[in-house]
């Protein structure tokens, strides 16, 4: 999803008011811009899907029954496959290597390391079936790096929870 101020297309088409579940498409070359009004306007750009429509079931609280609404296929795909990204971002946020950096490439670098650790953590849990906390997994990685490269770091144990004081880079 993107914000409407990031779209450089027909400004009048983007700004026009939409009714509930109304949709609008704008196609230029291979790129499709989809604007769909659900609870709020949703903007999506795709280069792999067309402007086909599909249906989605909704629950009506007042009448206590399901009803169907037309929805662009691109929006349905987005909601279907975005769950993994949301989970990854959630897991990263728990123990993020949050450093105050002014160079954008350093932030990207540390975020990529966080993503690699989370992906390996998820794969480790799937492969071994072990229930290990993320902090314990991260500490095990640090200890393995220490052992491999003979690096000394201070790890302080308190209340059965390890916290890393210093790890030289």
Protein backbone atom coordinates (compact mmCIF):
# COMPACT_ATOMS: atom_id res chain seq x y z
CA UNK A 1 0.00 0.00 0.00
CA UNK A 2 1.14 3.51 -0.66
CA UNK A 3 0.15 6.98 0.42
CA UNK A 4 -1.69 9.12 -2.10
CA UNK A 5 0.89 11.92 -1.93
CA UNK A 6 3.47 9.48 -3.40
CA UNK A 7 1.50 8.90 -6.61
CA UNK A 8 2.35 10.99 -9.67
CA UNK A 9 -0.58 10.26 -11.98
CA UNK A 10 -3.81 12.02 -12.82
CA UNK A 11 -4.28 14.17 -9.69
CA UNK A 12 -8.01 14.72 -10.27
CA UNK A 13 -8.67 10.97 -10.44
CA UNK A 14 -6.82 10.43 -7.15
CA UNK A 15 -8.50 13.30 -5.29
CA UNK A 16 -12.09 12.52 -6.26
CA UNK A 17 -14.42 11.39 -3.47
CA UNK A 18 -15.48 7.74 -3.55
CA UNK A 19 -18.48 5.87 -2.21
CA UNK A 20 -18.13 2.70 -0.14
CA UNK A 21 -16.59 -0.23 -2.04
CA UNK A 22 -16.08 1.89 -5.13
CA UNK A 23 -12.89 1.28 -7.07
CA UNK A 24 -10.85 3.09 -9.64
CA UNK A 25 -8.02 1.82 -11.85
CA UNK A 26 -5.31 3.66 -13.69
CA UNK A 27 -3.02 1.69 -15.97
CA UNK A 28 0.11 3.05 -17.57
CA UNK A 29 2.40 0.61 -19.39
CA UNK A 30 2.73 -2.45 -17.12
CA UNK A 31 1.88 -0.72 -13.85
CA UNK A 32 -1.63 -0.75 -12.40
CA UNK A 33 -2.69 1.77 -9.78
CA UNK A 34 -5.70 0.61 -7.78
CA UNK A 35 -7.76 2.89 -5.56
CA UNK A 36 -10.38 1.12 -3.47
CA UNK A 37 -12.66 2.60 -0.83
CA UNK A 38 -13.33 0.16 2.00
CA UNK A 39 -13.35 1.68 5.50
CA UNK A 40 -10.84 4.17 4.10
CA UNK A 41 -9.25 4.69 0.70
CA UNK A 42 -6.58 2.13 -0.13
CA UNK A 43 -3.99 2.77 -2.84
CA UNK A 44 -2.01 -0.09 -4.30
CA UNK A 45 0.45 -0.30 -7.18
CA UNK A 46 1.14 -3.63 -8.86
CA UNK A 47 2.85 -4.86 -11.98
CA UNK A 48 1.76 -8.51 -11.80
CA UNK A 49 -2.03 -8.34 -11.47
CA UNK A 50 -4.75 -6.99 -13.71
CA UNK A 51 -7.82 -5.00 -12.71
CA UNK A 52 -9.94 -8.12 -12.21
CA UNK A 53 -12.52 -8.18 -9.44
CA UNK A 54 -13.27 -10.89 -6.91
CA UNK A 55 -15.59 -11.15 -3.92
CA UNK A 56 -14.99 -11.05 -0.20
CA UNK A 57 -17.34 -12.00 2.62
CA UNK A 58 -18.09 -9.51 5.36
CA UNK A 59 -19.97 -9.88 8.64
CA UNK A 60 -22.79 -7.46 9.38
CA UNK A 61 -23.04 -6.90 13.14
CA UNK A 62 -26.56 -5.48 13.02
CA UNK A 63 -28.23 -8.16 10.92
CA UNK A 64 -25.81 -10.89 12.12
CA UNK A 65 -25.25 -12.37 8.69
CA UNK A 66 -22.58 -12.53 6.02
CA UNK A 67 -22.72 -10.47 2.85
CA UNK A 68 -20.34 -10.24 -0.10
CA UNK A 69 -18.64 -7.19 -1.49
CA UNK A 70 -16.72 -6.78 -4.75
CA UNK A 71 -13.00 -6.24 -4.16
CA UNK A 72 -10.06 -5.85 -6.58
CA UNK A 73 -7.93 -8.98 -6.87
CA UNK A 74 -4.78 -6.96 -6.06
CA UNK A 75 -6.24 -5.94 -2.67
CA UNK A 76 -7.19 -9.54 -1.88
CA UNK A 77 -3.67 -10.76 -2.72
CA UNK A 78 -2.15 -8.00 -0.62
CA UNK A 79 -4.16 -8.91 2.48
CA UNK A 80 -3.52 -12.62 1.95
CA UNK A 81 0.28 -12.39 1.71
CA UNK A 82 0.95 -9.38 3.96
CA UNK A 83 0.46 -11.40 7.15
CA UNK A 84 3.97 -12.89 6.96
CA UNK A 85 5.52 -9.45 6.60
CA UNK A 86 3.52 -8.12 9.54
CA UNK A 87 4.68 -11.05 11.69
CA UNK A 88 8.29 -10.49 10.66
CA UNK A 89 8.09 -6.79 11.52
CA UNK A 90 6.48 -7.62 14.86
CA UNK A 91 9.24 -10.09 15.77
CA UNK A 92 11.93 -7.61 14.71
CA UNK A 93 10.43 -4.89 16.89
CA UNK A 94 10.84 -6.95 20.09
CA UNK A 95 14.66 -6.96 20.08
CA UNK A 96 15.59 -4.58 17.31
CA UNK A 97 19.17 -3.41 16.92
CA UNK A 98 17.86 0.11 17.30
CA UNK A 99 20.74 2.48 16.86
CA UNK A 100 20.52 6.19 16.37
CA UNK A 101 22.28 6.58 13.06
CA UNK A 102 22.37 9.46 10.65
CA UNK A 103 23.50 7.53 7.61
CA UNK A 104 20.50 5.82 6.02
CA UNK A 105 22.57 2.93 4.67
CA UNK A 106 23.62 1.97 8.21
CA UNK A 107 19.97 1.77 9.29
CA UNK A 108 19.26 -0.43 6.27
CA UNK A 109 22.28 -2.59 7.11
CA UNK A 110 21.15 -3.22 10.70
CA UNK A 111 17.56 -3.81 9.59
CA UNK A 112 18.79 -6.43 7.11
CA UNK A 113 20.74 -8.13 9.92
CA UNK A 114 17.58 -8.10 12.06
CA UNK A 115 15.62 -9.64 9.19
CA UNK A 116 18.24 -12.36 8.70
CA UNK A 117 18.18 -13.20 12.42
CA UNK A 118 14.37 -13.37 12.48
CA UNK A 119 14.25 -15.53 9.35
CA UNK A 120 16.85 -17.91 10.80
CA UNK A 121 14.93 -17.95 14.11
CA UNK A 122 11.69 -18.91 12.36
CA UNK A 123 13.46 -21.59 10.29
CA UNK A 124 15.22 -22.93 13.40
CA UNK A 125 11.91 -23.31 15.23
CA UNK A 126 10.26 -24.98 12.22
CA UNK A 127 13.17 -27.36 11.58
CA UNK A 128 13.93 -28.42 15.17
CA UNK A 129 10.53 -27.99 16.79
CA UNK A 130 12.24 -26.52 19.87
CA UNK A 131 10.51 -23.81 21.83
CA UNK A 132 13.18 -21.20 22.42
CA UNK A 133 12.69 -17.51 23.11
CA UNK A 134 13.99 -15.01 20.61
CA UNK A 135 16.34 -13.39 23.15
CA UNK A 136 17.83 -16.79 24.02
CA UNK A 137 18.28 -17.50 20.31
CA UNK A 138 20.03 -14.16 19.77
CA UNK A 139 22.33 -14.77 22.74
CA UNK A 140 23.18 -18.23 21.38
CA UNK A 141 24.13 -16.60 18.06
CA UNK A 142 26.38 -14.11 19.86
CA UNK A 143 28.01 -16.92 21.87
CA UNK A 144 28.59 -18.93 18.67
CA UNK A 145 30.23 -15.92 17.01
CA UNK A 146 32.37 -15.37 20.12
CA UNK A 147 33.47 -18.98 20.11
CA UNK A 148 34.16 -19.04 16.38
CA UNK A 149 36.19 -15.83 16.28
CA UNK A 150 37.49 -15.90 19.87
CA UNK A 151 35.90 -12.59 20.85
CA UNK A 152 35.35 -11.63 24.47
CA UNK A 153 32.11 -9.89 25.49
CA UNK A 154 30.42 -9.24 28.80
CA UNK A 155 27.12 -11.02 29.34
CA UNK A 156 25.32 -10.22 32.55
CA UNK A 157 22.79 -12.75 33.89
CA UNK A 158 19.97 -11.53 36.09
CA UNK A 159 16.60 -13.12 36.95
CA UNK A 160 17.11 -16.00 34.49
CA UNK A 161 17.22 -13.49 31.69
CA UNK A 162 20.44 -12.67 29.88
CA UNK A 163 21.21 -9.17 28.73
CA UNK A 164 24.22 -8.32 26.63
CA UNK A 165 26.20 -5.42 28.02
CA UNK A 166 28.78 -5.03 25.28
CA UNK A 167 29.65 -6.75 22.04
CA UNK A 168 32.64 -5.28 20.20
CA UNK A 169 32.12 -4.79 16.48
